[in-house]
Amino acid sequence: MSSVISKDLPLAVRYLKDNKIIVFPTDTLYGILTNALCKECVEKVYKIKKRKPTKPYLILIKSLEDLKSFDVYISDIEKKVISQKGITVILTLKNPDKWKYLHRGTNSLAFRIPKSGIILELLEHLDFPLIAPSANPEGLKPASDINEAYEYFKDEIDLYFDYGKIENTKPSTIVKFEDKKPILIREGTVSYEEILKIIQNKQD
């Protein structure tokens, strides 16, 4: 079946509800999105991206409420940082056996509430979270527009949502916390200094 290239948000929503795989702009880069609660969908994205099977994908959520499904340990500081939006935070799972296909042996998952963009509107229409790796095969640069994404994946993706060119080249910043201290896993759109400021203002 041939891929669809579209600017129709309701169509993108319908594809995701049908457990299909789409390329869509996140708050950072074009991402490959699919239902995080669908094991088959997640495994298919691993094949499409040629990603190492031991590397988990980050998960986009629309609110802290979505974390209840995953039953994670979360501190007040972690809540504060995730609630700022745009920062990916790694949280430990209380019941990792249930989510092996997502955590890939790490016993933790990385979550982000998007900061801005049409991705927020997309999530509002869904009642499940999304995996959201960047739209590129492992080791290649992220696609900055739909044409680049299509060159990478052709008809392996069900729908490409055309939102024009994305100038940003940085992924999201990823942090985890040890003894209430943030450990930087990947620096991206938010600096370590900005994260420290968020924590210092946690009582505001």
Protein backbone atom coordinates (compact mmCIF):
# COMPACT_ATOMS: atom_id res chain seq x y z
CA MET A 1 0.00 0.00 0.00
CA SER A 2 1.31 3.45 -0.97
CA SER A 3 2.02 6.12 1.61
CA VAL A 4 -0.25 9.13 1.98
CA ILE A 5 1.19 12.68 2.11
CA SER A 6 -1.28 15.01 3.79
CA LYS A 7 -1.85 18.22 5.75
CA ASP A 8 -5.09 16.87 7.23
CA LEU A 9 -4.82 16.60 11.04
CA PRO A 10 -8.02 14.52 11.49
CA LEU A 11 -6.60 12.03 8.98
CA ALA A 12 -3.35 11.77 10.97
CA VAL A 13 -5.42 11.17 14.12
CA ARG A 14 -7.40 8.44 12.37
CA TYR A 15 -4.23 6.70 11.17
CA LEU A 16 -2.81 6.64 14.69
CA LYS A 17 -6.08 5.33 16.13
CA ASP A 18 -5.87 2.55 13.54
CA ASN A 19 -2.40 1.65 14.88
CA LYS A 20 -0.61 2.93 11.80
CA ILE A 21 2.76 4.68 11.64
CA ILE A 22 3.11 8.32 10.62
CA VAL A 23 5.81 10.96 10.22
CA PHE A 24 4.71 14.12 12.03
CA PRO A 25 6.36 17.28 13.44
CA THR A 26 7.00 17.11 17.18
CA ASP A 27 8.05 20.13 19.27
CA THR A 28 11.64 19.54 18.14
CA LEU A 29 12.03 17.54 14.91
CA TYR A 30 9.95 15.45 12.52
CA GLY A 31 9.27 12.20 14.37
CA ILE A 32 8.03 8.71 13.57
CA LEU A 33 4.88 8.40 15.65
CA THR A 34 2.77 5.42 16.60
CA ASN A 35 0.69 4.16 19.52
CA ALA A 36 3.07 3.39 22.41
CA LEU A 37 0.57 0.87 23.81
CA CYS A 38 0.65 -1.21 20.61
CA LYS A 39 3.56 -3.67 20.84
CA GLU A 40 3.40 -4.62 17.15
CA CYS A 41 3.49 -0.95 16.12
CA VAL A 42 6.56 -0.28 18.28
CA GLU A 43 8.41 -3.32 16.93
CA LYS A 44 7.64 -2.21 13.38
CA VAL A 45 9.24 1.18 14.03
CA TYR A 46 12.40 -0.58 15.23
CA LYS A 47 12.55 -2.37 11.87
CA ILE A 48 11.84 0.77 9.86
CA LYS A 49 14.48 2.83 11.69
CA LYS A 50 17.00 -0.06 11.80
CA ARG A 51 17.43 0.89 15.44
CA LYS A 52 19.44 -1.17 17.92
CA PRO A 53 16.90 -3.37 19.74
CA THR A 54 18.36 -2.44 23.15
CA LYS A 55 17.72 1.30 22.75
CA PRO A 56 14.27 2.42 24.01
CA TYR A 57 12.19 5.17 22.42
CA LEU A 58 11.01 8.24 24.27
CA ILE A 59 7.28 8.62 24.82
CA LEU A 60 5.18 11.73 24.24
CA ILE A 61 2.35 12.35 26.71
CA LYS A 62 -0.16 15.19 26.94
CA SER A 63 -0.17 15.47 30.74
CA LEU A 64 1.16 13.93 33.95
CA GLU A 65 -2.12 12.00 34.10
CA ASP A 66 -0.83 9.77 31.27
CA LEU A 67 1.96 8.49 33.52
CA LYS A 68 -0.58 6.58 35.63
CA SER A 69 -0.89 3.97 32.86
CA PHE A 70 2.81 3.16 33.18
CA ASP A 71 2.98 3.01 37.01
CA VAL A 72 6.27 4.88 37.44
CA TYR A 73 8.18 6.19 40.41
CA ILE A 74 8.06 10.01 40.19
CA SER A 75 9.27 12.63 42.65
CA ASP A 76 8.01 16.20 43.04
CA ILE A 77 11.13 17.49 41.29
CA GLU A 78 10.61 15.14 38.34
CA LYS A 79 6.97 16.26 38.12
CA LYS A 80 8.12 19.88 38.10
CA VAL A 81 10.61 19.32 35.26
CA ILE A 82 8.19 17.29 33.10
CA SER A 83 5.44 19.86 33.70
CA GLN A 84 7.70 22.61 32.30
CA LYS A 85 7.21 20.87 28.93
CA GLY A 86 9.83 20.23 26.29
CA ILE A 87 12.21 18.26 28.56
CA THR A 88 12.45 14.48 28.39
CA VAL A 89 12.73 12.84 31.83
CA ILE A 90 13.66 9.21 32.45
CA LEU A 91 11.49 7.51 35.09
CA THR A 92 11.86 4.08 36.69
CA LEU A 93 9.02 1.59 36.20
CA LYS A 94 7.42 -0.13 39.19
CA ASN A 95 6.32 -3.06 37.01
CA PRO A 96 8.94 -3.36 34.24
CA ASP A 97 7.83 -6.83 33.08
CA LYS A 98 4.67 -5.33 31.62
CA TRP A 99 6.61 -2.87 29.45
CA LYS A 100 9.56 -4.93 28.20
CA TYR A 101 8.82 -4.08 24.56
CA LEU A 102 9.19 -0.38 25.43
CA HIS A 103 12.00 -0.27 28.00
CA ARG A 104 14.18 -2.88 26.18
CA GLY A 105 15.85 -4.07 29.38
CA THR A 106 16.47 -0.64 30.95
CA ASN A 107 13.51 -0.92 33.40
CA SER A 108 12.81 2.78 32.80
CA LEU A 109 11.11 4.96 30.21
CA ALA A 110 11.68 8.50 28.99
CA PHE A 111 8.65 10.82 28.88
CA ARG A 112 8.06 14.31 27.51
CA ILE A 113 5.11 16.68 27.34
CA PRO A 114 5.71 18.64 24.13
CA LYS A 115 6.35 22.34 24.63
CA SER A 116 4.60 23.72 21.56
CA GLY A 117 3.42 23.06 18.03
CA ILE A 118 0.74 21.07 16.25
CA ILE A 119 1.87 17.95 18.13
CA LEU A 120 -0.06 19.24 21.17
CA GLU A 121 -3.23 19.40 19.09
CA LEU A 122 -2.62 15.87 17.82
CA LEU A 123 -2.19 14.48 21.35
CA GLU A 124 -5.41 16.15 22.51
CA HIS A 125 -7.32 13.98 20.03
CA LEU A 126 -5.76 10.74 21.27
CA ASP A 127 -6.35 8.66 24.39
CA PHE A 128 -2.94 6.94 24.25
CA PRO A 129 0.70 8.12 24.35
CA LEU A 130 3.05 7.97 21.36
CA ILE A 131 6.58 6.81 20.76
CA ALA A 132 8.36 9.57 18.87
CA PRO A 133 11.88 8.83 17.58
CA SER A 134 13.31 11.25 15.04
CA ALA A 135 12.48 10.61 11.38
CA ASN A 136 15.73 9.06 10.18
CA PRO A 137 17.34 5.65 10.00
CA GLU A 138 19.80 4.99 12.83
CA GLY A 139 23.00 6.95 12.27
CA LEU A 140 21.68 9.37 9.63
CA LYS A 141 20.63 12.99 10.11
CA PRO A 142 16.99 13.71 11.05
CA ALA A 143 14.72 14.65 8.15
CA SER A 144 14.00 18.38 8.04
CA ASP A 145 11.02 18.04 5.70
CA ILE A 146 8.66 15.43 4.32
CA ASN A 147 10.67 14.90 1.12
CA GLU A 148 13.74 13.90 3.13
CA ALA A 149 11.65 11.63 5.34
CA TYR A 150 10.08 9.98 2.28
CA GLU A 151 13.51 9.40 0.74
CA TYR A 152 14.49 7.56 3.90
CA PHE A 153 11.43 5.38 4.38
CA LYS A 154 9.31 5.41 1.19
CA ASP A 155 6.14 3.32 1.67
CA GLU A 156 7.21 1.83 5.01
CA ILE A 157 5.47 4.82 6.63
CA ASP A 158 1.67 4.93 6.29
CA LEU A 159 1.24 8.72 6.35
CA TYR A 160 3.57 11.71 6.06
CA PHE A 161 2.14 14.90 7.57
CA ASP A 162 3.54 17.84 5.60
CA TYR A 163 4.26 20.76 7.93
CA GLY A 164 6.94 22.37 5.78
CA LYS A 165 10.63 22.61 6.65
CA ILE A 166 11.75 22.39 10.28
CA GLU A 167 14.77 24.62 10.90
CA ASN A 168 15.54 23.24 14.36
CA THR A 169 18.26 20.59 14.31
CA LYS A 170 18.33 19.81 18.04
CA PRO A 171 16.47 16.94 19.67
CA SER A 172 14.96 17.26 23.14
CA THR A 173 17.16 17.38 26.23
CA ILE A 174 17.05 14.13 28.23
CA VAL A 175 17.67 14.01 31.99
CA LYS A 176 17.34 11.50 34.79
CA PHE A 177 17.48 12.14 38.51
CA GLU A 178 19.69 10.51 41.12
CA ASP A 179 19.22 11.66 44.73
CA LYS A 180 17.21 14.63 43.44
CA LYS A 181 20.13 15.73 41.25
CA PRO A 182 19.63 15.97 37.47
CA ILE A 183 22.04 13.89 35.38
CA LEU A 184 22.24 15.07 31.78
CA ILE A 185 21.84 12.16 29.36
CA ARG A 186 21.56 14.28 26.18
CA GLU A 187 21.73 18.04 25.83
CA GLY A 188 19.27 19.37 23.26
CA THR A 189 16.82 22.24 23.12
CA VAL A 190 17.05 22.98 26.88
CA SER A 191 20.42 23.54 28.60
CA TYR A 192 21.51 21.96 31.86
CA GLU A 193 21.59 25.45 33.42
CA GLU A 194 17.94 25.99 32.49
CA ILE A 195 17.02 22.70 34.16
CA LEU A 196 18.83 23.75 37.34
CA LYS A 197 16.85 27.02 37.33
CA ILE A 198 13.58 25.08 37.05
CA ILE A 199 14.55 22.94 40.04
CA GLN A 200 15.67 25.93 42.10
CA ASN A 201 12.28 27.55 41.46
CA LYS A 202 10.38 24.40 42.40
CA GLN A 203 8.68 26.11 45.32
CA ASP A 204 7.39 29.01 43.18
